[in-house]
Amino acid sequence: MRIASVSLAVLLLAPTQPALANQAKDGIERCAAIAEPGGRLASFDELARVMQARHGGRDRDAMPATAPAAPPSDRQAQFGLDQRQIRAQDPTLEQPVEQITAQVSSIQMFGPGYWTIAMAGGAVWRTTELVPSFRQPRAGQAVVVRKGVLGDYMLVVGNQAAMRINRIR
């Protein structure tokens, strides 16, 4: 008689594990479909509470407790957004610097028609294109470095045409 009751218990409890797994899978898919991050997190939290209650809290000690994940920093949350989108989220942010005026402290040729230019503030820039008509600036002369397109920077010396440069230090 005892063997029959144990066999009956095994037969009745066996389907609960696959059923529990299917319910968990359905719940995870439902939560993952929520687009709003706060709502999605709340849905997963509720699913975890429901599954733990159904599971009866067993195996609680089987997995070590983990610290909650740290919230993403502002930089991580803003990764991939352009400056317009970031300022729309927080209008108190400063406008990005689009150009600077700096004084040349020294200039050296590093190849025919290519120059390394040190600024008074310690920044060192290098020209990246050959412009035959470029007249090098003199030490002490003010120059303008401005943002170009696609991450380029442009050097303007006096009334000359701008030329591409990269900051190396």
C-alpha atoms as a PDB file:
ATOM      1  CA  MET A   1       0.000   0.000   0.000  1.00  0.00           C
ATOM      2  CA  ARG A   2       2.863   2.340   0.845  1.00  0.00           C
ATOM      3  CA  ILE A   3       4.446   1.821  -2.589  1.00  0.00           C
ATOM      4  CA  ALA A   4       1.134   2.653  -4.277  1.00  0.00           C
ATOM      5  CA  SER A   5       0.756   5.933  -2.350  1.00  0.00           C
ATOM      6  CA  VAL A   6       4.350   6.990  -3.116  1.00  0.00           C
ATOM      7  CA  SER A   7       3.816   6.128  -6.797  1.00  0.00           C
ATOM      8  CA  LEU A   8       0.605   8.155  -6.844  1.00  0.00           C
ATOM      9  CA  ALA A   9       2.370  11.122  -5.249  1.00  0.00           C
ATOM     10  CA  VAL A  10       5.167  10.928  -7.838  1.00  0.00           C
ATOM     11  CA  LEU A  11       2.661  10.787 -10.678  1.00  0.00           C
ATOM     12  CA  LEU A  12       0.729  13.775  -9.322  1.00  0.00           C
ATOM     13  CA  LEU A  13       3.782  15.925  -8.633  1.00  0.00           C
ATOM     14  CA  ALA A  14       5.756  15.098 -11.791  1.00  0.00           C
ATOM     15  CA  PRO A  15       3.702  17.308 -14.122  1.00  0.00           C
ATOM     16  CA  THR A  16       4.180  20.340 -11.851  1.00  0.00           C
ATOM     17  CA  GLN A  17       7.816  20.877 -12.848  1.00  0.00           C
ATOM     18  CA  PRO A  18       7.124  21.097 -16.627  1.00  0.00           C
ATOM     19  CA  ALA A  19       3.998  23.141 -15.939  1.00  0.00           C
ATOM     20  CA  LEU A  20       5.996  25.475 -13.693  1.00  0.00           C
ATOM     21  CA  ALA A  21       8.652  25.781 -16.396  1.00  0.00           C
ATOM     22  CA  ASN A  22       6.017  26.615 -19.026  1.00  0.00           C
ATOM     23  CA  GLN A  23       4.420  29.221 -16.748  1.00  0.00           C
ATOM     24  CA  ALA A  24       7.845  30.749 -16.104  1.00  0.00           C
ATOM     25  CA  LYS A  25       8.631  30.843 -19.824  1.00  0.00           C
ATOM     26  CA  ASP A  26       5.280  32.467 -20.639  1.00  0.00           C
ATOM     27  CA  GLY A  27       5.775  35.001 -17.863  1.00  0.00           C
ATOM     28  CA  ILE A  28       9.278  35.860 -19.023  1.00  0.00           C
ATOM     29  CA  GLU A  29       8.086  36.373 -22.601  1.00  0.00           C
ATOM     30  CA  ARG A  30       5.214  38.576 -21.368  1.00  0.00           C
ATOM     31  CA  CYS A  31       7.563  40.696 -19.243  1.00  0.00           C
ATOM     32  CA  ALA A  32      10.182  40.992 -21.992  1.00  0.00           C
ATOM     33  CA  ALA A  33       7.542  42.353 -24.392  1.00  0.00           C
ATOM     34  CA  ILE A  34       6.971  45.444 -22.208  1.00  0.00           C
ATOM     35  CA  ALA A  35       8.784  48.366 -23.828  1.00  0.00           C
ATOM     36  CA  GLU A  36       8.919  50.766 -20.868  1.00  0.00           C
ATOM     37  CA  PRO A  37      11.940  49.860 -18.652  1.00  0.00           C
ATOM     38  CA  GLY A  38      10.236  50.560 -15.308  1.00  0.00           C
ATOM     39  CA  GLY A  39       7.154  48.556 -16.234  1.00  0.00           C
ATOM     40  CA  ARG A  40       9.299  45.701 -17.550  1.00  0.00           C
ATOM     41  CA  LEU A  41      11.280  45.591 -14.297  1.00  0.00           C
ATOM     42  CA  ALA A  42       8.087  45.644 -12.202  1.00  0.00           C
ATOM     43  CA  SER A  43       6.699  42.798 -14.318  1.00  0.00           C
ATOM     44  CA  PHE A  44       9.822  40.665 -13.775  1.00  0.00           C
ATOM     45  CA  ASP A  45       9.755  41.423 -10.035  1.00  0.00           C
ATOM     46  CA  GLU A  46       6.116  40.326  -9.812  1.00  0.00           C
ATOM     47  CA  LEU A  47       6.848  37.189 -11.845  1.00  0.00           C
ATOM     48  CA  ALA A  48       9.694  36.302  -9.461  1.00  0.00           C
ATOM     49  CA  ARG A  49       7.395  36.731  -6.436  1.00  0.00           C
ATOM     50  CA  VAL A  50       4.674  34.566  -8.010  1.00  0.00           C
ATOM     51  CA  MET A  51       7.101  31.832  -9.058  1.00  0.00           C
ATOM     52  CA  GLN A  52       8.715  31.781  -5.626  1.00  0.00           C
ATOM     53  CA  ALA A  53       5.301  31.499  -3.955  1.00  0.00           C
ATOM     54  CA  ARG A  54       4.296  28.635  -6.273  1.00  0.00           C
ATOM     55  CA  HIS A  55       7.612  26.906  -5.799  1.00  0.00           C
ATOM     56  CA  GLY A  56       7.151  27.212  -2.049  1.00  0.00           C
ATOM     57  CA  GLY A  57      10.449  28.941  -1.456  1.00  0.00           C
ATOM     58  CA  ARG A  58      12.350  25.647  -1.818  1.00  0.00           C
ATOM     59  CA  ASP A  59      15.940  25.756  -2.951  1.00  0.00           C
ATOM     60  CA  ARG A  60      16.275  29.278  -1.581  1.00  0.00           C
ATOM     61  CA  ASP A  61      19.729  28.402  -0.280  1.00  0.00           C
ATOM     62  CA  ALA A  62      20.756  26.576  -3.441  1.00  0.00           C
ATOM     63  CA  MET A  63      21.829  29.792  -5.159  1.00  0.00           C
ATOM     64  CA  PRO A  64      23.993  32.412  -3.467  1.00  0.00           C
ATOM     65  CA  ALA A  65      22.392  35.793  -2.934  1.00  0.00           C
ATOM     66  CA  THR A  66      23.677  38.441  -5.324  1.00  0.00           C
ATOM     67  CA  ALA A  67      23.894  42.146  -4.807  1.00  0.00           C
ATOM     68  CA  PRO A  68      21.347  44.145  -6.792  1.00  0.00           C
ATOM     69  CA  ALA A  69      22.682  45.538 -10.026  1.00  0.00           C
ATOM     70  CA  ALA A  70      23.827  49.124  -9.812  1.00  0.00           C
ATOM     71  CA  PRO A  71      21.680  51.580 -11.746  1.00  0.00           C
ATOM     72  CA  PRO A  72      23.344  52.715 -14.972  1.00  0.00           C
ATOM     73  CA  SER A  73      25.305  55.936 -14.741  1.00  0.00           C
ATOM     74  CA  ASP A  74      24.137  58.968 -16.695  1.00  0.00           C
ATOM     75  CA  ARG A  75      26.872  58.355 -19.255  1.00  0.00           C
ATOM     76  CA  GLN A  76      25.735  54.758 -19.755  1.00  0.00           C
ATOM     77  CA  ALA A  77      22.102  55.822 -19.998  1.00  0.00           C
ATOM     78  CA  GLN A  78      22.998  58.443 -22.604  1.00  0.00           C
ATOM     79  CA  PHE A  79      25.293  56.220 -24.681  1.00  0.00           C
ATOM     80  CA  GLY A  80      24.327  56.365 -28.345  1.00  0.00           C
ATOM     81  CA  LEU A  81      22.296  59.569 -28.070  1.00  0.00           C
ATOM     82  CA  ASP A  82      23.421  62.652 -29.930  1.00  0.00           C
ATOM     83  CA  GLN A  83      23.932  65.959 -28.107  1.00  0.00           C
ATOM     84  CA  ARG A  84      20.499  67.249 -29.146  1.00  0.00           C
ATOM     85  CA  GLN A  85      18.771  64.246 -27.551  1.00  0.00           C
ATOM     86  CA  ILE A  86      20.882  64.498 -24.382  1.00  0.00           C
ATOM     87  CA  ARG A  87      20.075  68.209 -23.979  1.00  0.00           C
ATOM     88  CA  ALA A  88      16.374  67.436 -24.540  1.00  0.00           C
ATOM     89  CA  GLN A  89      16.524  65.070 -21.543  1.00  0.00           C
ATOM     90  CA  ASP A  90      18.401  67.579 -19.373  1.00  0.00           C
ATOM     91  CA  PRO A  91      18.251  71.199 -20.589  1.00  0.00           C
ATOM     92  CA  THR A  92      20.536  72.333 -17.727  1.00  0.00           C
ATOM     93  CA  LEU A  93      23.573  70.730 -19.379  1.00  0.00           C
ATOM     94  CA  GLU A  94      26.196  73.051 -20.766  1.00  0.00           C
ATOM     95  CA  GLN A  95      26.427  73.465 -24.502  1.00  0.00           C
ATOM     96  CA  PRO A  96      29.403  71.528 -25.920  1.00  0.00           C
ATOM     97  CA  VAL A  97      32.454  73.523 -26.940  1.00  0.00           C
ATOM     98  CA  GLU A  98      32.406  73.929 -30.716  1.00  0.00           C
ATOM     99  CA  GLN A  99      35.679  75.842 -31.099  1.00  0.00           C
ATOM    100  CA  ILE A 100      38.598  77.236 -29.132  1.00  0.00           C
ATOM    101  CA  THR A 101      41.065  80.018 -29.695  1.00  0.00           C
ATOM    102  CA  ALA A 102      44.557  79.080 -28.567  1.00  0.00           C
ATOM    103  CA  GLN A 103      48.021  80.541 -28.687  1.00  0.00           C
ATOM    104  CA  VAL A 104      50.725  78.565 -30.502  1.00  0.00           C
ATOM    105  CA  SER A 105      53.708  77.821 -28.249  1.00  0.00           C
ATOM    106  CA  SER A 106      55.774  75.882 -30.800  1.00  0.00           C
ATOM    107  CA  ILE A 107      55.535  74.336 -34.249  1.00  0.00           C
ATOM    108  CA  GLN A 108      57.653  71.610 -35.848  1.00  0.00           C
ATOM    109  CA  MET A 109      57.608  69.990 -39.262  1.00  0.00           C
ATOM    110  CA  PHE A 110      57.226  66.190 -39.009  1.00  0.00           C
ATOM    111  CA  GLY A 111      57.087  65.526 -42.728  1.00  0.00           C
ATOM    112  CA  PRO A 112      57.001  67.492 -45.962  1.00  0.00           C
ATOM    113  CA  GLY A 113      54.046  69.834 -45.523  1.00  0.00           C
ATOM    114  CA  TYR A 114      52.867  68.250 -42.240  1.00  0.00           C
ATOM    115  CA  TRP A 115      53.159  70.031 -38.911  1.00  0.00           C
ATOM    116  CA  THR A 116      52.992  69.311 -35.187  1.00  0.00           C
ATOM    117  CA  ILE A 117      51.615  72.323 -33.339  1.00  0.00           C
ATOM    118  CA  ALA A 118      51.875  72.730 -29.547  1.00  0.00           C
ATOM    119  CA  MET A 119      49.430  75.126 -27.922  1.00  0.00           C
ATOM    120  CA  ALA A 120      50.061  77.245 -24.823  1.00  0.00           C
ATOM    121  CA  GLY A 121      47.618  75.144 -22.742  1.00  0.00           C
ATOM    122  CA  GLY A 122      49.621  71.951 -23.376  1.00  0.00           C
ATOM    123  CA  ALA A 123      47.515  70.476 -26.183  1.00  0.00           C
ATOM    124  CA  VAL A 124      49.480  69.098 -29.143  1.00  0.00           C
ATOM    125  CA  TRP A 125      47.867  68.844 -32.575  1.00  0.00           C
ATOM    126  CA  ARG A 126      49.098  67.374 -35.854  1.00  0.00           C
ATOM    127  CA  THR A 127      47.971  68.301 -39.370  1.00  0.00           C
ATOM    128  CA  THR A 128      46.495  65.378 -41.300  1.00  0.00           C
ATOM    129  CA  GLU A 129      46.344  66.781 -44.801  1.00  0.00           C
ATOM    130  CA  LEU A 130      48.832  68.363 -47.116  1.00  0.00           C
ATOM    131  CA  VAL A 131      47.907  71.903 -48.094  1.00  0.00           C
ATOM    132  CA  PRO A 132      50.738  73.333 -50.251  1.00  0.00           C
ATOM    133  CA  SER A 133      49.619  76.926 -49.725  1.00  0.00           C
ATOM    134  CA  PHE A 134      49.516  76.597 -45.903  1.00  0.00           C
ATOM    135  CA  ARG A 135      51.583  79.208 -44.122  1.00  0.00           C
ATOM    136  CA  GLN A 136      52.615  77.875 -40.731  1.00  0.00           C
ATOM    137  CA  PRO A 137      51.682  79.929 -37.669  1.00  0.00           C
ATOM    138  CA  ARG A 138      54.382  81.580 -35.602  1.00  0.00           C
ATOM    139  CA  ALA A 139      54.953  80.959 -31.898  1.00  0.00           C
ATOM    140  CA  GLY A 140      52.689  83.302 -29.962  1.00  0.00           C
ATOM    141  CA  GLN A 141      50.125  83.600 -32.778  1.00  0.00           C
ATOM    142  CA  ALA A 142      46.448  82.962 -31.990  1.00  0.00           C
ATOM    143  CA  VAL A 143      44.746  80.187 -33.966  1.00  0.00           C
ATOM    144  CA  VAL A 144      41.237  78.739 -33.954  1.00  0.00           C
ATOM    145  CA  VAL A 145      40.519  75.025 -33.643  1.00  0.00           C
ATOM    146  CA  ARG A 146      36.906  74.125 -34.396  1.00  0.00           C
ATOM    147  CA  LYS A 147      34.903  70.948 -34.711  1.00  0.00           C
ATOM    148  CA  GLY A 148      34.482  69.688 -38.240  1.00  0.00           C
ATOM    149  CA  VAL A 149      32.176  67.013 -39.570  1.00  0.00           C
ATOM    150  CA  LEU A 150      32.379  63.311 -38.682  1.00  0.00           C
ATOM    151  CA  GLY A 151      34.688  63.934 -35.732  1.00  0.00           C
ATOM    152  CA  ASP A 152      37.275  66.010 -37.588  1.00  0.00           C
ATOM    153  CA  TYR A 153      38.851  69.139 -36.176  1.00  0.00           C
ATOM    154  CA  MET A 154      39.835  72.079 -38.310  1.00  0.00           C
ATOM    155  CA  LEU A 155      42.707  74.539 -37.765  1.00  0.00           C
ATOM    156  CA  VAL A 156      42.242  78.125 -38.919  1.00  0.00           C
ATOM    157  CA  VAL A 157      45.355  80.311 -39.045  1.00  0.00           C
ATOM    158  CA  GLY A 158      44.628  83.931 -39.846  1.00  0.00           C
ATOM    159  CA  ASN A 159      42.644  84.279 -43.073  1.00  0.00           C
ATOM    160  CA  GLN A 160      43.817  80.961 -44.543  1.00  0.00           C
ATOM    161  CA  ALA A 161      41.488  78.133 -45.436  1.00  0.00           C
ATOM    162  CA  ALA A 162      40.893  75.661 -42.624  1.00  0.00           C
ATOM    163  CA  MET A 163      42.863  72.423 -42.605  1.00  0.00           C
ATOM    164  CA  ARG A 164      42.225  69.109 -40.821  1.00  0.00           C
ATOM    165  CA  ILE A 165      44.108  68.306 -37.641  1.00  0.00           C
ATOM    166  CA  ASN A 166      44.047  65.639 -34.902  1.00  0.00           C
ATOM    167  CA  ARG A 167      44.919  66.080 -31.253  1.00  0.00           C
ATOM    168  CA  ILE A 168      47.762  63.792 -30.251  1.00  0.00           C
ATOM    169  CA  ARG A 169      48.217  64.976 -26.624  1.00  0.00           C
END
